[in-house]
Amino acid sequence: MRASAARRDLMRLLMPLGDQRLAAGEISRALGLSSSRLSFYLAVLEQAGLIRARKLARHVFWSVDAAGMAAPISILLNDGCMEHPEEMASCRHGQTVAAPVIAPAAMTPTTAPQES
């Protein structure tokens, strides 16, 4: 799996969970990544401020950092769309919307986290 695809799949796995945390081992199994490769991707995304870790005993649990995700999205929507009217229409800039502009990708049964 290419690095960009792995990071994308990792974010797709964590995004629908919001503040709920997922154990590193579960992420590794769901994505089919080795522990060392997953650790690298998690470190990169954590340094970028997109995800956060919480240690409980010997386990590390990961979740999306909503504030960290909001900053680049805000920049893209507010600054990136401003000079392109055709893009601004798809951004729904300044409008209240009931549904999200971009729906989260549906998780496949093989990557869906198990309910406890």
C-alpha atoms as a PDB file:
ATOM      1  CA  MET A   1       0.000   0.000   0.000  1.00  0.00           C
ATOM      2  CA  ARG A   2       1.392   3.406  -0.950  1.00  0.00           C
ATOM      3  CA  ALA A   3       2.023   5.905   1.825  1.00  0.00           C
ATOM      4  CA  SER A   4      -0.590   8.395   0.593  1.00  0.00           C
ATOM      5  CA  ALA A   5      -3.228   5.654   0.290  1.00  0.00           C
ATOM      6  CA  ALA A   6      -2.387   4.360   3.768  1.00  0.00           C
ATOM      7  CA  ARG A   7      -2.720   7.828   5.334  1.00  0.00           C
ATOM      8  CA  ARG A   8      -5.971   8.414   3.453  1.00  0.00           C
ATOM      9  CA  ASP A   9      -7.385   5.066   4.606  1.00  0.00           C
ATOM     10  CA  LEU A  10      -6.261   5.789   8.159  1.00  0.00           C
ATOM     11  CA  MET A  11      -8.110   9.108   8.170  1.00  0.00           C
ATOM     12  CA  ARG A  12     -11.182   7.459   6.603  1.00  0.00           C
ATOM     13  CA  LEU A  13     -11.150   4.932   9.418  1.00  0.00           C
ATOM     14  CA  LEU A  14     -10.815   7.517  12.207  1.00  0.00           C
ATOM     15  CA  MET A  15     -12.979  10.383  10.869  1.00  0.00           C
ATOM     16  CA  PRO A  16     -16.415   8.753  11.363  1.00  0.00           C
ATOM     17  CA  LEU A  17     -15.468   7.896  14.954  1.00  0.00           C
ATOM     18  CA  GLY A  18     -15.018  11.540  15.983  1.00  0.00           C
ATOM     19  CA  ASP A  19     -13.820  11.670  19.610  1.00  0.00           C
ATOM     20  CA  GLN A  20     -14.059   7.913  20.035  1.00  0.00           C
ATOM     21  CA  ARG A  21     -10.613   6.369  20.156  1.00  0.00           C
ATOM     22  CA  LEU A  22      -9.354   3.329  18.321  1.00  0.00           C
ATOM     23  CA  ALA A  23      -6.476   1.165  19.538  1.00  0.00           C
ATOM     24  CA  ALA A  24      -3.367   1.046  17.371  1.00  0.00           C
ATOM     25  CA  GLY A  25      -3.662  -2.741  17.088  1.00  0.00           C
ATOM     26  CA  GLU A  26      -7.211  -2.465  15.765  1.00  0.00           C
ATOM     27  CA  ILE A  27      -6.115   0.144  13.229  1.00  0.00           C
ATOM     28  CA  SER A  28      -3.235  -2.077  12.130  1.00  0.00           C
ATOM     29  CA  ARG A  29      -5.531  -5.057  11.597  1.00  0.00           C
ATOM     30  CA  ALA A  30      -8.231  -3.023   9.854  1.00  0.00           C
ATOM     31  CA  LEU A  31      -5.768  -1.513   7.376  1.00  0.00           C
ATOM     32  CA  GLY A  32      -3.521  -4.541   6.998  1.00  0.00           C
ATOM     33  CA  LEU A  33      -0.411  -2.575   8.001  1.00  0.00           C
ATOM     34  CA  SER A  34       2.544  -3.737  10.056  1.00  0.00           C
ATOM     35  CA  SER A  35       2.918  -2.121  13.471  1.00  0.00           C
ATOM     36  CA  SER A  36       6.106  -0.301  12.444  1.00  0.00           C
ATOM     37  CA  ARG A  37       4.604   1.131   9.243  1.00  0.00           C
ATOM     38  CA  LEU A  38       1.445   2.184  11.090  1.00  0.00           C
ATOM     39  CA  SER A  39       3.524   3.853  13.808  1.00  0.00           C
ATOM     40  CA  PHE A  40       5.268   5.915  11.141  1.00  0.00           C
ATOM     41  CA  TYR A  41       1.986   7.067   9.587  1.00  0.00           C
ATOM     42  CA  LEU A  42       0.464   7.826  12.987  1.00  0.00           C
ATOM     43  CA  ALA A  43       3.519   9.905  13.961  1.00  0.00           C
ATOM     44  CA  VAL A  44       3.330  11.921  10.730  1.00  0.00           C
ATOM     45  CA  LEU A  45      -0.382  12.668  11.177  1.00  0.00           C
ATOM     46  CA  GLU A  46       0.103  13.481  14.868  1.00  0.00           C
ATOM     47  CA  GLN A  47       2.940  15.917  14.062  1.00  0.00           C
ATOM     48  CA  ALA A  48       0.663  17.567  11.507  1.00  0.00           C
ATOM     49  CA  GLY A  49      -1.936  18.036  14.266  1.00  0.00           C
ATOM     50  CA  LEU A  50      -4.577  15.932  12.512  1.00  0.00           C
ATOM     51  CA  ILE A  51      -4.812  13.107  15.058  1.00  0.00           C
ATOM     52  CA  ARG A  52      -4.029  12.667  18.752  1.00  0.00           C
ATOM     53  CA  ALA A  53      -2.967   9.813  20.958  1.00  0.00           C
ATOM     54  CA  ARG A  54      -3.959   8.777  24.452  1.00  0.00           C
ATOM     55  CA  LYS A  55      -1.986   6.198  26.375  1.00  0.00           C
ATOM     56  CA  LEU A  56      -3.786   3.884  28.767  1.00  0.00           C
ATOM     57  CA  ALA A  57      -1.454   1.410  30.433  1.00  0.00           C
ATOM     58  CA  ARG A  58       0.467  -0.262  27.613  1.00  0.00           C
ATOM     59  CA  HIS A  59      -2.020   0.630  24.875  1.00  0.00           C
ATOM     60  CA  VAL A  60      -2.215   3.710  22.672  1.00  0.00           C
ATOM     61  CA  PHE A  61      -5.603   4.874  21.423  1.00  0.00           C
ATOM     62  CA  TRP A  62      -5.963   7.272  18.488  1.00  0.00           C
ATOM     63  CA  SER A  63      -8.638   9.732  17.422  1.00  0.00           C
ATOM     64  CA  VAL A  64      -9.070  12.635  15.055  1.00  0.00           C
ATOM     65  CA  ASP A  65      -8.105  16.045  16.410  1.00  0.00           C
ATOM     66  CA  ALA A  66     -11.122  18.131  15.389  1.00  0.00           C
ATOM     67  CA  ALA A  67      -9.359  21.458  15.931  1.00  0.00           C
ATOM     68  CA  GLY A  68      -6.377  20.258  13.923  1.00  0.00           C
ATOM     69  CA  MET A  69      -8.646  19.150  11.074  1.00  0.00           C
ATOM     70  CA  ALA A  70     -10.620  22.401  11.107  1.00  0.00           C
ATOM     71  CA  ALA A  71      -7.654  24.656  10.357  1.00  0.00           C
ATOM     72  CA  PRO A  72      -6.679  23.289   6.911  1.00  0.00           C
ATOM     73  CA  ILE A  73     -10.322  22.776   5.941  1.00  0.00           C
ATOM     74  CA  SER A  74     -11.114  26.370   6.897  1.00  0.00           C
ATOM     75  CA  ILE A  75      -8.190  27.646   4.861  1.00  0.00           C
ATOM     76  CA  LEU A  76      -9.241  25.588   1.851  1.00  0.00           C
ATOM     77  CA  LEU A  77     -12.877  26.622   2.031  1.00  0.00           C
ATOM     78  CA  ASN A  78     -12.429  30.280   2.946  1.00  0.00           C
ATOM     79  CA  ASP A  79      -9.268  31.240   1.116  1.00  0.00           C
ATOM     80  CA  GLY A  80      -9.104  28.664  -1.638  1.00  0.00           C
ATOM     81  CA  CYS A  81     -12.651  29.175  -2.880  1.00  0.00           C
ATOM     82  CA  MET A  82     -12.741  32.964  -2.699  1.00  0.00           C
ATOM     83  CA  GLU A  83     -11.227  33.656  -6.112  1.00  0.00           C
ATOM     84  CA  HIS A  84     -13.064  30.953  -8.025  1.00  0.00           C
ATOM     85  CA  PRO A  85     -16.843  31.482  -8.291  1.00  0.00           C
ATOM     86  CA  GLU A  86     -17.406  27.977  -9.662  1.00  0.00           C
ATOM     87  CA  GLU A  87     -15.584  26.509  -6.655  1.00  0.00           C
ATOM     88  CA  MET A  88     -17.354  28.821  -4.218  1.00  0.00           C
ATOM     89  CA  ALA A  89     -20.692  27.345  -5.295  1.00  0.00           C
ATOM     90  CA  SER A  90     -19.539  23.865  -4.324  1.00  0.00           C
ATOM     91  CA  CYS A  91     -18.066  25.124  -1.025  1.00  0.00           C
ATOM     92  CA  ARG A  92     -21.416  26.642   0.013  1.00  0.00           C
ATOM     93  CA  HIS A  93     -19.364  29.459   1.503  1.00  0.00           C
ATOM     94  CA  GLY A  94     -21.321  31.483   4.024  1.00  0.00           C
ATOM     95  CA  GLN A  95     -24.449  29.323   3.846  1.00  0.00           C
ATOM     96  CA  THR A  96     -26.013  27.255   6.569  1.00  0.00           C
ATOM     97  CA  VAL A  97     -26.465  23.700   5.373  1.00  0.00           C
ATOM     98  CA  ALA A  98     -28.316  20.847   7.027  1.00  0.00           C
ATOM     99  CA  ALA A  99     -26.171  18.137   5.452  1.00  0.00           C
ATOM    100  CA  PRO A 100     -22.377  18.062   5.283  1.00  0.00           C
ATOM    101  CA  VAL A 101     -20.805  19.400   2.108  1.00  0.00           C
ATOM    102  CA  ILE A 102     -18.619  16.315   1.855  1.00  0.00           C
ATOM    103  CA  ALA A 103     -20.151  13.096   3.160  1.00  0.00           C
ATOM    104  CA  PRO A 104     -17.731  10.769   4.977  1.00  0.00           C
ATOM    105  CA  ALA A 105     -16.709   7.724   2.953  1.00  0.00           C
ATOM    106  CA  ALA A 106     -18.662   4.640   3.869  1.00  0.00           C
ATOM    107  CA  MET A 107     -16.621   2.155   5.820  1.00  0.00           C
ATOM    108  CA  THR A 108     -16.492  -1.348   4.436  1.00  0.00           C
ATOM    109  CA  PRO A 109     -17.307  -4.239   6.747  1.00  0.00           C
ATOM    110  CA  THR A 110     -13.641  -5.262   6.792  1.00  0.00           C
ATOM    111  CA  THR A 111     -12.493  -1.888   8.113  1.00  0.00           C
ATOM    112  CA  ALA A 112     -15.401  -1.042  10.394  1.00  0.00           C
ATOM    113  CA  PRO A 113     -14.412  -1.001  14.057  1.00  0.00           C
ATOM    114  CA  GLN A 114     -15.999  -3.602  16.297  1.00  0.00           C
ATOM    115  CA  GLU A 115     -18.521  -2.310  18.811  1.00  0.00           C
ATOM    116  CA  SER A 116     -17.711  -3.151  22.394  1.00  0.00           C
END
